[in-house]
Full PDB file with SEQRES, HELIX, SHEET, SSBOND, CRYST1, ORIGX, SCALE, CONECT and MASTER records, all heavy atoms in Angstrom:
SEQRES   1 A   40  SER LEU LEU LYS THR LEU TYR ARG ASN PRO GLY PHE MET          
SEQRES   2 A   40  GLU GLY GLY THR THR ILE HIS VAL VAL SER ASN ARG VAL          
SEQRES   3 A   40  GLY SER ALA GLU GLU GLY LYS ALA VAL TYR GLU LYS LEU          
SEQRES   4 A   40  ASN                                                          
HELIX    1 AA1 LEU A    2  TYR A    7  1                                   6    
HELIX    2 AA2 GLU A   14  GLY A   16  5                                   3    
HELIX    3 AA3 ALA A   29  LEU A   39  1                                  11    
CRYST1    1.000    1.000    1.000  90.00  90.00  90.00 P 1           1          
ORIGX1      1.000000  0.000000  0.000000        0.00000                         
ORIGX2      0.000000  1.000000  0.000000        0.00000                         
ORIGX3      0.000000  0.000000  1.000000        0.00000                         
SCALE1      1.000000  0.000000  0.000000        0.00000                         
SCALE2      0.000000  1.000000  0.000000        0.00000                         
SCALE3      0.000000  0.000000  1.000000        0.00000                         
ATOM      1  N   SER A   1       0.830  -1.206   0.000  1.00  0.00           N  
ATOM      2  CA  SER A   1       0.000   0.000   0.000  1.00  0.00           C  
ATOM      3  C   SER A   1       0.863   1.255   0.000  1.00  0.00           C  
ATOM      4  O   SER A   1       0.571   2.231  -0.705  1.00  0.00           O  
ATOM      5  CB  SER A   1      -0.925   0.011   1.222  1.00  0.00           C  
ATOM      6  OG  SER A   1      -1.854  -1.056   1.172  1.00  0.00           O  
ATOM      7  N   LEU A   2       1.947   1.233   0.781  1.00  0.00           N  
ATOM      8  CA  LEU A   2       2.865   2.380   0.788  1.00  0.00           C  
ATOM      9  C   LEU A   2       3.511   2.555  -0.581  1.00  0.00           C  
ATOM     10  O   LEU A   2       3.604   3.673  -1.100  1.00  0.00           O  
ATOM     11  CB  LEU A   2       3.927   2.187   1.870  1.00  0.00           C  
ATOM     12  CG  LEU A   2       4.864   3.365   2.166  1.00  0.00           C  
ATOM     13  CD1 LEU A   2       5.372   3.293   3.608  1.00  0.00           C  
ATOM     14  CD2 LEU A   2       6.056   3.402   1.213  1.00  0.00           C  
ATOM     15  N   LEU A   3       3.962   1.449  -1.166  1.00  0.00           N  
ATOM     16  CA  LEU A   3       4.608   1.513  -2.483  1.00  0.00           C  
ATOM     17  C   LEU A   3       3.630   2.000  -3.550  1.00  0.00           C  
ATOM     18  O   LEU A   3       3.995   2.791  -4.425  1.00  0.00           O  
ATOM     19  CB  LEU A   3       5.156   0.134  -2.855  1.00  0.00           C  
ATOM     20  CG  LEU A   3       6.377  -0.331  -2.052  1.00  0.00           C  
ATOM     21  CD1 LEU A   3       6.604  -1.825  -2.251  1.00  0.00           C  
ATOM     22  CD2 LEU A   3       7.616   0.451  -2.452  1.00  0.00           C  
ATOM     23  N   LYS A   4       2.390   1.542  -3.487  1.00  0.00           N  
ATOM     24  CA  LYS A   4       1.385   1.971  -4.457  1.00  0.00           C  
ATOM     25  C   LYS A   4       1.146   3.475  -4.349  1.00  0.00           C  
ATOM     26  O   LYS A   4       1.066   4.173  -5.372  1.00  0.00           O  
ATOM     27  CB  LYS A   4       0.084   1.205  -4.226  1.00  0.00           C  
ATOM     28  CG  LYS A   4      -1.021   1.566  -5.200  1.00  0.00           C  
ATOM     29  CD  LYS A   4      -2.202   0.616  -5.077  1.00  0.00           C  
ATOM     30  CE  LYS A   4      -2.828   0.686  -3.698  1.00  0.00           C  
ATOM     31  NZ  LYS A   4      -4.060  -0.145  -3.616  1.00  0.00           N  
ATOM     32  N   THR A   5       1.044   3.971  -3.115  1.00  0.00           N  
ATOM     33  CA  THR A   5       0.849   5.412  -2.908  1.00  0.00           C  
ATOM     34  C   THR A   5       2.045   6.194  -3.427  1.00  0.00           C  
ATOM     35  O   THR A   5       1.900   7.255  -4.046  1.00  0.00           O  
ATOM     36  CB  THR A   5       0.639   5.706  -1.418  1.00  0.00           C  
ATOM     37  OG1 THR A   5      -0.480   4.956  -0.935  1.00  0.00           O  
ATOM     38  CG2 THR A   5       0.391   7.187  -1.184  1.00  0.00           C  
ATOM     39  N   LEU A   6       3.236   5.658  -3.201  1.00  0.00           N  
ATOM     40  CA  LEU A   6       4.448   6.322  -3.652  1.00  0.00           C  
ATOM     41  C   LEU A   6       4.524   6.369  -5.177  1.00  0.00           C  
ATOM     42  O   LEU A   6       4.764   7.428  -5.775  1.00  0.00           O  
ATOM     43  CB  LEU A   6       5.673   5.592  -3.093  1.00  0.00           C  
ATOM     44  CG  LEU A   6       7.046   6.119  -3.520  1.00  0.00           C  
ATOM     45  CD1 LEU A   6       7.250   7.541  -3.017  1.00  0.00           C  
ATOM     46  CD2 LEU A   6       8.144   5.199  -2.992  1.00  0.00           C  
ATOM     47  N   TYR A   7       4.308   5.245  -5.831  1.00  0.00           N  
ATOM     48  CA  TYR A   7       4.407   5.170  -7.290  1.00  0.00           C  
ATOM     49  C   TYR A   7       3.378   6.048  -7.989  1.00  0.00           C  
ATOM     50  O   TYR A   7       3.630   6.551  -9.084  1.00  0.00           O  
ATOM     51  CB  TYR A   7       4.253   3.719  -7.764  1.00  0.00           C  
ATOM     52  CG  TYR A   7       5.563   2.970  -7.879  1.00  0.00           C  
ATOM     53  CD1 TYR A   7       6.189   2.449  -6.752  1.00  0.00           C  
ATOM     54  CD2 TYR A   7       6.177   2.783  -9.113  1.00  0.00           C  
ATOM     55  CE1 TYR A   7       7.386   1.759  -6.847  1.00  0.00           C  
ATOM     56  CE2 TYR A   7       7.372   2.093  -9.218  1.00  0.00           C  
ATOM     57  CZ  TYR A   7       7.977   1.580  -8.083  1.00  0.00           C  
ATOM     58  OH  TYR A   7       9.169   0.912  -8.184  1.00  0.00           O  
ATOM     59  N   ARG A   8       2.244   6.219  -7.374  1.00  0.00           N  
ATOM     60  CA  ARG A   8       1.173   6.997  -7.995  1.00  0.00           C  
ATOM     61  C   ARG A   8       1.226   8.475  -7.629  1.00  0.00           C  
ATOM     62  O   ARG A   8       0.373   9.249  -8.070  1.00  0.00           O  
ATOM     63  CB  ARG A   8      -0.177   6.395  -7.612  1.00  0.00           C  
ATOM     64  CG  ARG A   8      -0.372   4.997  -8.210  1.00  0.00           C  
ATOM     65  CD  ARG A   8      -1.697   4.378  -7.831  1.00  0.00           C  
ATOM     66  NE  ARG A   8      -1.859   3.068  -8.489  1.00  0.00           N  
ATOM     67  CZ  ARG A   8      -2.887   2.247  -8.296  1.00  0.00           C  
ATOM     68  NH1 ARG A   8      -3.864   2.602  -7.469  1.00  0.00           N  
ATOM     69  NH2 ARG A   8      -2.952   1.090  -8.920  1.00  0.00           N  
ATOM     70  N   ASN A   9       2.218   8.858  -6.827  1.00  0.00           N  
ATOM     71  CA  ASN A   9       2.389  10.268  -6.483  1.00  0.00           C  
ATOM     72  C   ASN A   9       3.035  11.009  -7.655  1.00  0.00           C  
ATOM     73  O   ASN A   9       4.035  10.540  -8.209  1.00  0.00           O  
ATOM     74  CB  ASN A   9       3.263  10.396  -5.230  1.00  0.00           C  
ATOM     75  CG  ASN A   9       3.296  11.810  -4.695  1.00  0.00           C  
ATOM     76  OD1 ASN A   9       3.860  12.712  -5.319  1.00  0.00           O  
ATOM     77  ND2 ASN A   9       2.709  12.007  -3.531  1.00  0.00           N  
ATOM     78  N   PRO A  10       2.503  12.163  -8.068  1.00  0.00           N  
ATOM     79  CA  PRO A  10       3.069  12.901  -9.211  1.00  0.00           C  
ATOM     80  C   PRO A  10       4.527  13.309  -9.010  1.00  0.00           C  
ATOM     81  O   PRO A  10       5.245  13.508  -9.993  1.00  0.00           O  
ATOM     82  CB  PRO A  10       2.159  14.144  -9.310  1.00  0.00           C  
ATOM     83  CG  PRO A  10       0.894  13.752  -8.629  1.00  0.00           C  
ATOM     84  CD  PRO A  10       1.292  12.803  -7.538  1.00  0.00           C  
ATOM     85  N   GLY A  11       4.965  13.404  -7.747  1.00  0.00           N  
ATOM     86  CA  GLY A  11       6.338  13.821  -7.495  1.00  0.00           C  
ATOM     87  C   GLY A  11       7.348  12.694  -7.508  1.00  0.00           C  
ATOM     88  O   GLY A  11       8.557  12.929  -7.348  1.00  0.00           O  
ATOM     89  N   PHE A  12       6.883  11.448  -7.702  1.00  0.00           N  
ATOM     90  CA  PHE A  12       7.793  10.302  -7.670  1.00  0.00           C  
ATOM     91  C   PHE A  12       8.442  10.075  -9.030  1.00  0.00           C  
ATOM     92  O   PHE A  12       7.760   9.989 -10.050  1.00  0.00           O  
ATOM     93  CB  PHE A  12       7.036   9.042  -7.253  1.00  0.00           C  
ATOM     94  CG  PHE A  12       7.896   7.803  -7.245  1.00  0.00           C  
ATOM     95  CD1 PHE A  12       8.932   7.668  -6.344  1.00  0.00           C  
ATOM     96  CD2 PHE A  12       7.658   6.768  -8.141  1.00  0.00           C  
ATOM     97  CE1 PHE A  12       9.717   6.521  -6.317  1.00  0.00           C  
ATOM     98  CE2 PHE A  12       8.439   5.621  -8.135  1.00  0.00           C  
ATOM     99  CZ  PHE A  12       9.469   5.505  -7.214  1.00  0.00           C  
ATOM    100  N   MET A  13       9.768  10.012  -9.038  1.00  0.00           N  
ATOM    101  CA  MET A  13      10.523   9.702 -10.252  1.00  0.00           C  
ATOM    102  C   MET A  13      11.260   8.384 -10.014  1.00  0.00           C  
ATOM    103  O   MET A  13      12.241   8.348  -9.272  1.00  0.00           O  
ATOM    104  CB  MET A  13      11.512  10.822 -10.577  1.00  0.00           C  
ATOM    105  CG  MET A  13      10.878  12.152 -10.907  1.00  0.00           C  
ATOM    106  SD  MET A  13      12.078  13.383 -11.488  1.00  0.00           S  
ATOM    107  CE  MET A  13      13.205  13.455 -10.093  1.00  0.00           C  
ATOM    108  N   GLU A  14      10.777   7.306 -10.621  1.00  0.00           N  
ATOM    109  CA  GLU A  14      11.331   5.980 -10.356  1.00  0.00           C  
ATOM    110  C   GLU A  14      12.818   5.915 -10.678  1.00  0.00           C  
ATOM    111  O   GLU A  14      13.602   5.315  -9.946  1.00  0.00           O  
ATOM    112  CB  GLU A  14      10.581   4.911 -11.143  1.00  0.00           C  
ATOM    113  CG  GLU A  14      11.046   3.505 -10.813  1.00  0.00           C  
ATOM    114  CD  GLU A  14      10.293   2.454 -11.596  1.00  0.00           C  
ATOM    115  OE1 GLU A  14       9.412   2.814 -12.382  1.00  0.00           O  
ATOM    116  OE2 GLU A  14      10.604   1.263 -11.417  1.00  0.00           O  
ATOM    117  N   GLY A  15      13.215   6.551 -11.771  1.00  0.00           N  
ATOM    118  CA  GLY A  15      14.622   6.504 -12.142  1.00  0.00           C  
ATOM    119  C   GLY A  15      15.530   7.248 -11.190  1.00  0.00           C  
ATOM    120  O   GLY A  15      16.736   7.011 -11.158  1.00  0.00           O  
ATOM    121  N   GLY A  16      14.966   8.153 -10.406  1.00  0.00           N  
ATOM    122  CA  GLY A  16      15.775   8.940  -9.479  1.00  0.00           C  
ATOM    123  C   GLY A  16      15.723   8.428  -8.059  1.00  0.00           C  
ATOM    124  O   GLY A  16      16.322   9.030  -7.163  1.00  0.00           O  
ATOM    125  N   THR A  17      15.003   7.338  -7.807  1.00  0.00           N  
ATOM    126  CA  THR A  17      14.869   6.794  -6.462  1.00  0.00           C  
ATOM    127  C   THR A  17      15.080   5.285  -6.481  1.00  0.00           C  
ATOM    128  O   THR A  17      14.398   4.573  -7.215  1.00  0.00           O  
ATOM    129  CB  THR A  17      13.478   7.091  -5.875  1.00  0.00           C  
ATOM    130  OG1 THR A  17      13.232   8.498  -5.907  1.00  0.00           O  
ATOM    131  CG2 THR A  17      13.375   6.597  -4.439  1.00  0.00           C  
ATOM    132  N   THR A  18      16.028   4.803  -5.693  1.00  0.00           N  
ATOM    133  CA  THR A  18      16.258   3.368  -5.541  1.00  0.00           C  
ATOM    134  C   THR A  18      15.587   2.905  -4.263  1.00  0.00           C  
ATOM    135  O   THR A  18      15.865   3.433  -3.186  1.00  0.00           O  
ATOM    136  CB  THR A  18      17.755   3.046  -5.477  1.00  0.00           C  
ATOM    137  OG1 THR A  18      18.391   3.488  -6.676  1.00  0.00           O  
ATOM    138  CG2 THR A  18      17.972   1.547  -5.315  1.00  0.00           C  
ATOM    139  N   ILE A  19      14.686   1.923  -4.374  1.00  0.00           N  
ATOM    140  CA  ILE A  19      13.990   1.399  -3.203  1.00  0.00           C  
ATOM    141  C   ILE A  19      14.576   0.029  -2.858  1.00  0.00           C  
ATOM    142  O   ILE A  19      14.471  -0.918  -3.624  1.00  0.00           O  
ATOM    143  CB  ILE A  19      12.482   1.285  -3.459  1.00  0.00           C  
ATOM    144  CG1 ILE A  19      11.909   2.656  -3.826  1.00  0.00           C  
ATOM    145  CG2 ILE A  19      11.772   0.731  -2.223  1.00  0.00           C  
ATOM    146  CD1 ILE A  19      10.439   2.634  -4.179  1.00  0.00           C  
ATOM    147  N   HIS A  20      15.218  -0.039  -1.697  1.00  0.00           N  
ATOM    148  CA  HIS A  20      15.794  -1.290  -1.208  1.00  0.00           C  
ATOM    149  C   HIS A  20      14.822  -1.930  -0.215  1.00  0.00           C  
ATOM    150  O   HIS A  20      14.291  -1.253   0.663  1.00  0.00           O  
ATOM    151  CB  HIS A  20      17.117  -1.042  -0.467  1.00  0.00           C  
ATOM    152  CG  HIS A  20      18.134  -0.276  -1.245  1.00  0.00           C  
ATOM    153  ND1 HIS A  20      18.935  -0.861  -2.203  1.00  0.00           N  
ATOM    154  CD2 HIS A  20      18.504   1.032  -1.194  1.00  0.00           C  
ATOM    155  CE1 HIS A  20      19.754   0.046  -2.703  1.00  0.00           C  
ATOM    156  NE2 HIS A  20      19.515   1.201  -2.114  1.00  0.00           N  
ATOM    157  N   VAL A  21      14.613  -3.222  -0.325  1.00  0.00           N  
ATOM    158  CA  VAL A  21      13.781  -3.951   0.625  1.00  0.00           C  
ATOM    159  C   VAL A  21      14.686  -4.625   1.655  1.00  0.00           C  
ATOM    160  O   VAL A  21      15.669  -5.283   1.300  1.00  0.00           O  
ATOM    161  CB  VAL A  21      12.911  -5.010  -0.075  1.00  0.00           C  
ATOM    162  CG1 VAL A  21      12.169  -5.870   0.949  1.00  0.00           C  
ATOM    163  CG2 VAL A  21      11.918  -4.340  -1.016  1.00  0.00           C  
ATOM    164  N   VAL A  22      14.360  -4.440   2.932  1.00  0.00           N  
ATOM    165  CA  VAL A  22      15.045  -5.141   4.017  1.00  0.00           C  
ATOM    166  C   VAL A  22      14.010  -5.999   4.726  1.00  0.00           C  
ATOM    167  O   VAL A  22      13.013  -5.496   5.247  1.00  0.00           O  
ATOM    168  CB  VAL A  22      15.692  -4.160   5.014  1.00  0.00           C  
ATOM    169  CG1 VAL A  22      16.308  -4.926   6.182  1.00  0.00           C  
ATOM    170  CG2 VAL A  22      16.746  -3.305   4.323  1.00  0.00           C  
ATOM    171  N   SER A  23      14.228  -7.307   4.747  1.00  0.00           N  
ATOM    172  CA  SER A  23      13.316  -8.241   5.412  1.00  0.00           C  
ATOM    173  C   SER A  23      13.771  -8.413   6.856  1.00  0.00           C  
ATOM    174  O   SER A  23      14.904  -8.831   7.112  1.00  0.00           O  
ATOM    175  CB  SER A  23      13.318  -9.594   4.701  1.00  0.00           C  
ATOM    176  OG  SER A  23      13.019  -9.436   3.322  1.00  0.00           O  
ATOM    177  N   ASN A  24      12.893  -8.127   7.798  1.00  0.00           N  
ATOM    178  CA  ASN A  24      13.261  -8.183   9.209  1.00  0.00           C  
ATOM    179  C   ASN A  24      12.509  -9.301   9.930  1.00  0.00           C  
ATOM    180  O   ASN A  24      11.425  -9.698   9.512  1.00  0.00           O  
ATOM    181  CB  ASN A  24      12.942  -6.839   9.879  1.00  0.00           C  
ATOM    182  CG  ASN A  24      13.614  -6.713  11.245  1.00  0.00           C  
ATOM    183  OD1 ASN A  24      14.659  -7.316  11.482  1.00  0.00           O  
ATOM    184  ND2 ASN A  24      13.018  -5.942  12.128  1.00  0.00           N  
ATOM    185  N   ARG A  25      13.145  -9.804  10.992  1.00  0.00           N  
ATOM    186  CA  ARG A  25      12.557 -10.852  11.841  1.00  0.00           C  
ATOM    187  C   ARG A  25      12.201 -12.103  11.058  1.00  0.00           C  
ATOM    188  O   ARG A  25      11.099 -12.650  11.170  1.00  0.00           O  
ATOM    189  CB  ARG A  25      11.326 -10.315  12.574  1.00  0.00           C  
ATOM    190  CG  ARG A  25      11.642  -9.151  13.506  1.00  0.00           C  
ATOM    191  CD  ARG A  25      10.396  -8.577  14.104  1.00  0.00           C  
ATOM    192  NE  ARG A  25      10.708  -7.397  14.889  1.00  0.00           N  
ATOM    193  CZ  ARG A  25       9.804  -6.502  15.293  1.00  0.00           C  
ATOM    194  NH1 ARG A  25       8.535  -6.673  14.964  1.00  0.00           N  
ATOM    195  NH2 ARG A  25      10.150  -5.442  15.986  1.00  0.00           N  
ATOM    196  N   VAL A  26      13.145 -12.556  10.261  1.00  0.00           N  
ATOM    197  CA  VAL A  26      12.920 -13.773   9.475  1.00  0.00           C  
ATOM    198  C   VAL A  26      13.657 -14.945  10.114  1.00  0.00           C  
ATOM    199  O   VAL A  26      14.577 -14.772  10.908  1.00  0.00           O  
ATOM    200  CB  VAL A  26      13.386 -13.584   8.015  1.00  0.00           C  
ATOM    201  CG1 VAL A  26      12.622 -12.449   7.364  1.00  0.00           C  
ATOM    202  CG2 VAL A  26      14.890 -13.315   7.943  1.00  0.00           C  
ATOM    203  N   GLY A  27      13.231 -16.160   9.747  1.00  0.00           N  
ATOM    204  CA  GLY A  27      13.834 -17.357  10.310  1.00  0.00           C  
ATOM    205  C   GLY A  27      14.939 -17.943   9.472  1.00  0.00           C  
ATOM    206  O   GLY A  27      15.679 -18.814   9.939  1.00  0.00           O  
ATOM    207  N   SER A  28      15.072 -17.475   8.228  1.00  0.00           N  
ATOM    208  CA  SER A  28      16.101 -18.006   7.349  1.00  0.00           C  
ATOM    209  C   SER A  28      16.355 -17.022   6.226  1.00  0.00           C  
ATOM    210  O   SER A  28      15.551 -16.116   5.972  1.00  0.00           O  
ATOM    211  CB  SER A  28      15.670 -19.356   6.766  1.00  0.00           C  
ATOM    212  OG  SER A  28      14.558 -19.185   5.907  1.00  0.00           O  
ATOM    213  N   ALA A  29      17.471 -17.244   5.508  1.00  0.00           N  
ATOM    214  CA  ALA A  29      17.780 -16.406   4.355  1.00  0.00           C  
ATOM    215  C   ALA A  29      16.715 -16.585   3.275  1.00  0.00           C  
ATOM    216  O   ALA A  29      16.357 -15.626   2.573  1.00  0.00           O  
ATOM    217  CB  ALA A  29      19.164 -16.760   3.813  1.00  0.00           C  
ATOM    218  N   GLU A  30      16.185 -17.799   3.172  1.00  0.00           N  
ATOM    219  CA  GLU A  30      15.162 -18.078   2.169  1.00  0.00           C  
ATOM    220  C   GLU A  30      13.872 -17.309   2.461  1.00  0.00           C  
ATOM    221  O   GLU A  30      13.220 -16.786   1.549  1.00  0.00           O  
ATOM    222  CB  GLU A  30      14.871 -19.586   2.115  1.00  0.00           C  
ATOM    223  CG  GLU A  30      16.011 -20.438   1.573  1.00  0.00           C  
ATOM    224  CD  GLU A  30      17.144 -20.621   2.570  1.00  0.00           C  
ATOM    225  OE1 GLU A  30      16.926 -20.382   3.783  1.00  0.00           O  
ATOM    226  OE2 GLU A  30      18.252 -21.007   2.141  1.00  0.00           O  
ATOM    227  N   GLU A  31      13.506 -17.252   3.730  1.00  0.00           N  
ATOM    228  CA  GLU A  31      12.296 -16.513   4.095  1.00  0.00           C  
ATOM    229  C   GLU A  31      12.477 -15.021   3.836  1.00  0.00           C  
ATOM    230  O   GLU A  31      11.544 -14.336   3.399  1.00  0.00           O  
ATOM    231  CB  GLU A  31      11.949 -16.744   5.570  1.00  0.00           C  
ATOM    232  CG  GLU A  31      10.625 -16.111   5.978  1.00  0.00           C  
ATOM    233  CD  GLU A  31      10.252 -16.391   7.417  1.00  0.00           C  
ATOM    234  OE1 GLU A  31      11.160 -16.448   8.276  1.00  0.00           O  
ATOM    235  OE2 GLU A  31       9.041 -16.537   7.701  1.00  0.00           O  
ATOM    236  N   GLY A  32      13.693 -14.518   4.095  1.00  0.00           N  
ATOM    237  CA  GLY A  32      13.970 -13.110   3.815  1.00  0.00           C  
ATOM    238  C   GLY A  32      13.844 -12.797   2.348  1.00  0.00           C  
ATOM    239  O   GLY A  32      13.249 -11.776   1.959  1.00  0.00           O  
ATOM    240  N   LYS A  33      14.382 -13.671   1.501  1.00  0.00           N  
ATOM    241  CA  LYS A  33      14.299 -13.453   0.050  1.00  0.00           C  
ATOM    242  C   LYS A  33      12.852 -13.553  -0.423  1.00  0.00           C  
ATOM    243  O   LYS A  33      12.430 -12.836  -1.342  1.00  0.00           O  
ATOM    244  CB  LYS A  33      15.157 -14.497  -0.669  1.00  0.00           C  
ATOM    245  CG  LYS A  33      15.325 -14.251  -2.166  1.00  0.00           C  
ATOM    246  CD  LYS A  33      16.083 -12.982  -2.455  1.00  0.00           C  
ATOM    247  CE  LYS A  33      16.307 -12.770  -3.959  1.00  0.00           C  
ATOM    248  NZ  LYS A  33      17.186 -13.813  -4.549  1.00  0.00           N  
ATOM    249  N   ALA A  34      12.061 -14.421   0.222  1.00  0.00           N  
ATOM    250  CA  ALA A  34      10.659 -14.581  -0.175  1.00  0.00           C  
ATOM    251  C   ALA A  34       9.862 -13.307   0.086  1.00  0.00           C  
ATOM    252  O   ALA A  34       8.958 -12.970  -0.695  1.00  0.00           O  
ATOM    253  CB  ALA A  34      10.035 -15.758   0.573  1.00  0.00           C  
ATOM    254  N   VAL A  35      10.182 -12.592   1.171  1.00  0.00           N  
ATOM    255  CA  VAL A  35       9.507 -11.320   1.462  1.00  0.00           C  
ATOM    256  C   VAL A  35       9.731 -10.349   0.307  1.00  0.00           C  
ATOM    257  O   VAL A  35       8.791  -9.713  -0.195  1.00  0.00           O  
ATOM    258  CB  VAL A  35      10.023 -10.714   2.781  1.00  0.00           C  
ATOM    259  CG1 VAL A  35       9.530  -9.278   2.950  1.00  0.00           C  
ATOM    260  CG2 VAL A  35       9.590 -11.567   3.966  1.00  0.00           C  
ATOM    261  N   TYR A  36      10.989 -10.249  -0.122  1.00  0.00           N  
ATOM    262  CA  TYR A  36      11.307  -9.358  -1.242  1.00  0.00           C  
ATOM    263  C   TYR A  36      10.604  -9.799  -2.521  1.00  0.00           C  
ATOM    264  O   TYR A  36      10.025  -8.965  -3.245  1.00  0.00           O  
ATOM    265  CB  TYR A  36      12.819  -9.341  -1.468  1.00  0.00           C  
ATOM    266  CG  TYR A  36      13.214  -8.920  -2.860  1.00  0.00           C  
ATOM    267  CD1 TYR A  36      13.119  -7.582  -3.257  1.00  0.00           C  
ATOM    268  CD2 TYR A  36      13.651  -9.863  -3.803  1.00  0.00           C  
ATOM    269  CE1 TYR A  36      13.445  -7.193  -4.544  1.00  0.00           C  
ATOM    270  CE2 TYR A  36      13.994  -9.479  -5.081  1.00  0.00           C  
ATOM    271  CZ  TYR A  36      13.888  -8.142  -5.452  1.00  0.00           C  
ATOM    272  OH  TYR A  36      14.217  -7.768  -6.728  1.00  0.00           O  
ATOM    273  N   GLU A  37      10.636 -11.086  -2.824  1.00  0.00           N  
ATOM    274  CA  GLU A  37      10.074 -11.570  -4.079  1.00  0.00           C  
ATOM    275  C   GLU A  37       8.567 -11.325  -4.155  1.00  0.00           C  
ATOM    276  O   GLU A  37       8.032 -11.012  -5.224  1.00  0.00           O  
ATOM    277  CB  GLU A  37      10.391 -13.055  -4.254  1.00  0.00           C  
ATOM    278  CG  GLU A  37      11.870 -13.302  -4.540  1.00  0.00           C  
ATOM    279  CD  GLU A  37      12.217 -14.777  -4.601  1.00  0.00           C  
ATOM    280  OE1 GLU A  37      11.392 -15.596  -4.112  1.00  0.00           O  
ATOM    281  OE2 GLU A  37      13.303 -15.106  -5.112  1.00  0.00           O  
ATOM    282  N   LYS A  38       7.870 -11.449  -3.028  1.00  0.00           N  
ATOM    283  CA  LYS A  38       6.430 -11.179  -3.018  1.00  0.00           C  
ATOM    284  C   LYS A  38       6.161  -9.707  -3.324  1.00  0.00           C  
ATOM    285  O   LYS A  38       5.262  -9.376  -4.117  1.00  0.00           O  
ATOM    286  CB  LYS A  38       5.833 -11.569  -1.669  1.00  0.00           C  
ATOM    287  CG  LYS A  38       5.783 -13.068  -1.428  1.00  0.00           C  
ATOM    288  CD  LYS A  38       5.293 -13.388  -0.026  1.00  0.00           C  
ATOM    289  CE  LYS A  38       5.315 -14.903   0.229  1.00  0.00           C  
ATOM    290  NZ  LYS A  38       4.907 -15.225   1.621  1.00  0.00           N  
ATOM    291  N   LEU A  39       6.923  -8.814  -2.670  1.00  0.00           N  
ATOM    292  CA  LEU A  39       6.725  -7.389  -2.900  1.00  0.00           C  
ATOM    293  C   LEU A  39       7.126  -6.991  -4.317  1.00  0.00           C  
ATOM    294  O   LEU A  39       6.405  -6.242  -4.998  1.00  0.00           O  
ATOM    295  CB  LEU A  39       7.533  -6.579  -1.883  1.00  0.00           C  
ATOM    296  CG  LEU A  39       6.990  -6.553  -0.451  1.00  0.00           C  
ATOM    297  CD1 LEU A  39       7.973  -5.847   0.477  1.00  0.00           C  
ATOM    298  CD2 LEU A  39       5.626  -5.878  -0.391  1.00  0.00           C  
ATOM    299  N   ASN A  40       8.260  -7.500  -4.777  1.00  0.00           N  
ATOM    300  CA  ASN A  40       8.737  -7.129  -6.105  1.00  0.00           C  
ATOM    301  C   ASN A  40       7.796  -7.642  -7.189  1.00  0.00           C  
ATOM    302  O   ASN A  40       7.599  -6.988  -8.224  1.00  0.00           O  
ATOM    303  CB  ASN A  40      10.145  -7.689  -6.330  1.00  0.00           C  
ATOM    304  CG  ASN A  40      10.801  -7.101  -7.556  1.00  0.00           C  
ATOM    305  OD1 ASN A  40      10.893  -5.879  -7.714  1.00  0.00           O  
ATOM    306  ND2 ASN A  40      11.273  -7.957  -8.448  1.00  0.00           N  
TER     307      ASN A  40                                                      
MASTER        0    0    0    3    0    0    0    6  306    1    0    4          
END                                                                             
């Protein structure tokens, strides 16, 4: 929902902003990567 609001804001320039995902409180490296893959 935050990303959708950001992308649809007229002031957002995707090429000028890098969005990094950090997965927190995960049980494994695989679970952390899965959080990113779902969002991406």
